[in-house]
Protein backbone atom coordinates (compact mmCIF):
# COMPACT_ATOMS: atom_id res chain seq x y z
CA MET A 1 82.36 16.35 63.03
CA SER A 2 84.74 19.13 64.01
CA GLU A 3 84.17 22.78 63.20
CA ALA A 4 86.96 22.75 60.59
CA GLN A 5 85.42 19.79 58.78
CA SER A 6 81.99 21.42 58.84
CA HIS A 7 83.46 24.60 57.36
CA THR A 8 85.15 22.58 54.60
CA VAL A 9 81.89 20.87 53.72
CA ARG A 10 80.09 24.21 53.44
CA ILE A 11 82.79 25.62 51.17
CA LYS A 12 82.62 22.56 48.91
CA ALA A 13 78.84 22.91 48.69
CA GLN A 14 79.16 26.57 47.73
CA TYR A 15 81.69 25.76 45.02
CA ALA A 16 79.47 22.96 43.72
CA GLU A 17 76.51 25.35 43.43
CA GLN A 18 78.63 27.95 41.66
CA VAL A 19 80.01 25.39 39.19
CA ALA A 20 76.50 24.12 38.46
CA ALA A 21 75.28 27.68 37.81
CA ASP A 22 78.26 28.36 35.54
CA LEU A 23 77.57 25.18 33.60
CA GLU A 24 73.93 26.17 33.12
CA ARG A 25 74.92 29.63 31.86
CA ASN A 26 77.47 28.04 29.53
CA ALA A 27 74.86 25.68 28.07
CA LYS A 28 72.38 28.52 27.51
CA GLU A 29 75.06 30.62 25.82
CA GLN A 30 75.99 27.72 23.53
CA GLU A 31 72.32 27.24 22.66
CA ARG A 32 71.90 30.96 21.88
CA ILE A 33 74.97 31.03 19.63
CA HIS A 34 73.90 27.84 17.88
CA THR A 35 70.50 29.38 17.16
CA GLU A 36 72.10 32.49 15.70
CA VAL A 37 74.44 30.39 13.55
CA THR A 38 71.48 28.39 12.24
CA ALA A 39 69.58 31.57 11.35
CA LEU A 40 72.63 33.03 9.60
CA GLN A 41 73.12 29.78 7.70
CA GLU A 42 69.52 29.99 6.42
CA GLN A 43 70.10 33.59 5.31
CA LEU A 44 73.34 32.58 3.57
CA THR A 45 71.58 29.74 1.75
CA ALA A 46 68.82 32.12 0.55
CA LEU A 47 71.40 34.64 -0.67
CA GLN A 48 73.31 31.92 -2.51
CA GLN A 49 70.10 30.83 -4.24
CA ASP A 50 69.37 34.43 -5.24
CA GLN A 51 72.94 34.78 -6.53
CA GLY A 52 72.53 31.70 -8.72
CA VAL A 53 69.31 33.06 -10.23
CA LEU A 54 70.83 36.51 -10.85
CA LEU A 55 73.94 35.00 -12.45
CA GLY A 56 71.69 33.00 -14.78
CA VAL A 57 69.80 36.18 -15.75
CA GLN A 58 73.06 38.06 -16.25
CA LYS A 59 74.45 35.28 -18.45
CA ALA A 60 71.27 35.19 -20.54
CA LEU A 61 71.34 38.96 -21.02
CA ALA A 62 75.03 38.92 -21.91
CA GLY A 63 74.33 36.27 -24.57
CA ASP A 64 71.48 38.35 -26.08
CA ASN A 65 73.26 41.73 -26.20
CA PRO A 66 75.62 41.15 -29.24
CA ALA A 67 72.77 40.11 -31.58
CA LEU A 68 70.64 43.05 -30.49
CA ALA A 69 73.56 45.46 -30.93
CA VAL A 70 74.32 44.18 -34.46
CA ALA A 71 70.64 44.44 -35.47
CA GLU A 72 70.38 48.03 -34.27
CA THR A 73 73.64 49.02 -36.02
CA ALA A 74 72.51 47.49 -39.32
CA ALA A 75 69.24 49.45 -39.18
CA VAL A 76 71.04 52.84 -39.01
CA PRO A 77 72.72 53.78 -42.38
CA GLY A 78 76.11 55.48 -42.34
CA PRO A 79 76.31 59.19 -43.34
CA ARG A 80 78.85 58.58 -46.12
CA GLU A 81 81.18 56.01 -47.53
CA ALA A 82 84.57 55.68 -45.89
CA PRO A 83 87.83 54.30 -47.25
CA THR A 84 87.86 51.60 -44.57
CA PRO A 85 84.21 50.71 -43.95
CA SER A 86 85.02 47.46 -42.12
CA ARG A 87 86.82 49.31 -39.32
CA ARG A 88 84.13 51.98 -39.02
CA LYS A 89 81.36 49.39 -38.75
CA LYS A 90 83.28 47.54 -36.09
CA GLY A 91 83.78 50.71 -34.06
CA ALA A 92 80.12 51.68 -34.42
CA ALA A 93 79.00 48.27 -33.24
CA SER A 94 81.26 48.41 -30.18
CA SER A 95 80.20 51.94 -29.25
CA THR A 96 76.47 51.26 -29.63
CA PRO A 97 74.73 51.59 -26.22
CA LYS A 98 72.88 48.63 -24.78
CA PRO A 99 69.30 48.40 -26.10
CA LYS A 100 66.43 49.14 -23.75
CA ALA A 101 65.06 45.64 -24.26
CA THR A 102 67.55 44.33 -21.69
CA THR A 103 65.89 46.42 -18.98
CA GLN A 104 62.47 45.01 -19.88
CA GLU A 105 63.81 41.46 -19.87
CA THR A 106 65.35 42.04 -16.45
CA ALA A 107 62.04 43.37 -15.12
CA ALA A 108 60.23 40.35 -16.54
CA LYS A 109 62.58 37.87 -14.85
CA THR A 110 62.77 39.65 -11.49
CA PRO A 111 59.45 38.22 -10.08
CA SER A 112 60.88 34.68 -10.24
CA THR A 113 63.69 35.73 -7.91
CA ARG A 114 61.22 37.32 -5.52
CA ALA A 115 59.05 34.20 -5.59
CA GLU A 116 61.99 32.04 -4.46
CA ALA A 117 62.88 34.50 -1.72
CA ALA A 118 59.24 34.41 -0.55
CA GLN A 119 59.42 30.74 0.47
CA PRO A 120 58.49 30.27 4.15
CA THR A 121 61.33 29.90 6.64
CA LEU A 122 61.68 26.99 9.03
CA VAL A 123 60.57 29.26 11.89
CA GLU A 124 57.29 30.00 10.08
CA LEU A 125 56.70 26.34 9.21
CA VAL A 126 57.25 25.22 12.81
CA GLY A 127 55.05 28.01 14.21
CA ARG A 128 52.20 27.23 11.83
CA HIS A 129 52.40 23.50 12.50
CA LEU A 130 52.22 23.96 16.27
CA ALA A 131 49.38 26.47 15.90
CA GLN A 132 47.35 23.86 14.00
CA GLU A 133 47.99 21.06 16.50
CA SER A 134 45.67 20.61 19.46
CA GLU A 135 48.24 18.65 21.51
CA PRO A 136 51.94 19.25 22.26
CA ARG A 137 54.42 17.69 19.85
CA SER A 138 58.01 16.58 20.25
CA ALA A 139 60.82 17.83 18.01
CA ALA A 140 60.91 14.46 16.24
CA GLU A 141 57.16 14.57 15.55
CA ILE A 142 57.41 18.12 14.22
CA THR A 143 60.31 17.10 11.96
CA SER A 144 58.37 14.11 10.62
CA ALA A 145 55.29 16.24 9.86
CA LEU A 146 57.29 18.98 8.11
CA THR A 147 59.26 16.43 6.07
CA GLU A 148 56.01 14.83 4.90
CA ALA A 149 54.43 18.21 4.06
CA HIS A 150 57.58 19.63 2.43
CA PRO A 151 59.60 16.73 0.97
CA GLU A 152 61.70 19.14 -1.07
CA ARG A 153 63.24 20.61 2.10
CA ASN A 154 65.94 18.87 4.12
CA VAL A 155 64.46 19.25 7.61
CA LYS A 156 66.63 17.92 10.46
CA THR A 157 65.52 17.19 14.01
CA THR A 158 68.45 19.08 15.55
CA VAL A 159 67.61 22.23 13.61
CA VAL A 160 63.91 21.91 14.48
CA ARG A 161 64.75 21.51 18.18
CA THR A 162 66.93 24.63 18.07
CA THR A 163 64.18 26.55 16.27
CA VAL A 164 61.43 25.67 18.76
CA GLU A 165 63.74 26.47 21.69
CA ASN A 166 64.29 29.89 20.14
CA LEU A 167 60.51 30.33 19.86
CA VAL A 168 60.20 29.28 23.52
CA ALA A 169 62.69 32.00 24.46
CA LYS A 170 60.56 34.54 22.58
CA GLY A 171 57.37 33.39 24.31
CA LEU A 172 55.74 32.13 21.10
CA VAL A 173 55.92 28.45 22.08
CA GLU A 174 55.42 26.66 25.41
CA ARG A 175 57.61 23.77 26.49
CA SER A 176 56.55 20.89 28.74
CA LYS A 177 58.15 17.65 29.97
CA GLN A 178 56.65 14.19 30.28
CA GLY A 179 59.25 11.99 31.88
CA LYS A 180 62.42 12.35 29.83
CA SER A 181 60.60 13.61 26.74
CA VAL A 182 60.15 17.30 25.86
CA PHE A 183 57.02 18.51 24.06
CA TYR A 184 56.17 21.86 22.48
CA ALA A 185 52.89 23.68 21.85
CA ALA A 186 51.94 27.09 20.52
CA ALA A 187 51.54 29.67 23.28
CA ALA A 188 47.95 30.72 23.98
CA GLY A 189 46.93 33.76 21.94
CA GLU A 190 50.16 33.80 19.93
CA LYS A 191 50.14 33.80 16.13
CA THR A 192 53.04 33.40 13.76
CA PRO A 193 53.44 36.72 11.86
CA GLU A 194 53.63 36.75 8.09
CA PRO A 195 57.10 37.67 6.78
CA GLN A 196 57.60 41.24 5.56
CA GLU A 197 58.97 40.05 2.23
CA ARG A 198 55.85 38.02 1.39
CA GLN A 199 53.56 40.95 2.21
CA THR A 200 55.58 43.18 -0.10
CA VAL A 201 55.42 40.69 -2.97
CA SER A 202 51.67 40.19 -2.63
CA SER A 203 51.05 43.95 -2.61
CA GLU A 204 53.13 44.41 -5.74
CA LYS A 205 51.11 41.75 -7.52
């Protein structure tokens, strides 16, 4: 092999290494962005659920206000008779401030909204499951266990895999390979923290 050919081979090898490194960085960046999108999607879903509950409360309060306003107006006698009593009664009813009962009803219905927001996230469920297992589990096994324990939640293997990879990046979960299969286990000495929201709700109770 001539010197020129040897030089060409070295250059090709260098380019191949650089392309491989770029591909690895690209894959990691895609994985990071996908994890962030998944987390944001969970937050959006929780906010949409809260919005639905609040709209229901608002609708219920709006339906109760007219009856309460009419009752309070009827209880207060007018100072004197007027030539057009129908108009004056209508104006008094419209100008009557909202009764304080609405504030109490809102306070009574607020705990239900907090209870829904206090449901554990997928990150917490995965962390707790791995902490209870004595042997490493694959993403499919974790998904199957969570689906059986929480049938009301739509748990997907792809989302679970992204979640455990995010926990691996944070050092909360260890990853191992057995052939072509990937298994996950809770890191030694690591515990899944309780969410701040749940601690707040329990203290208020």
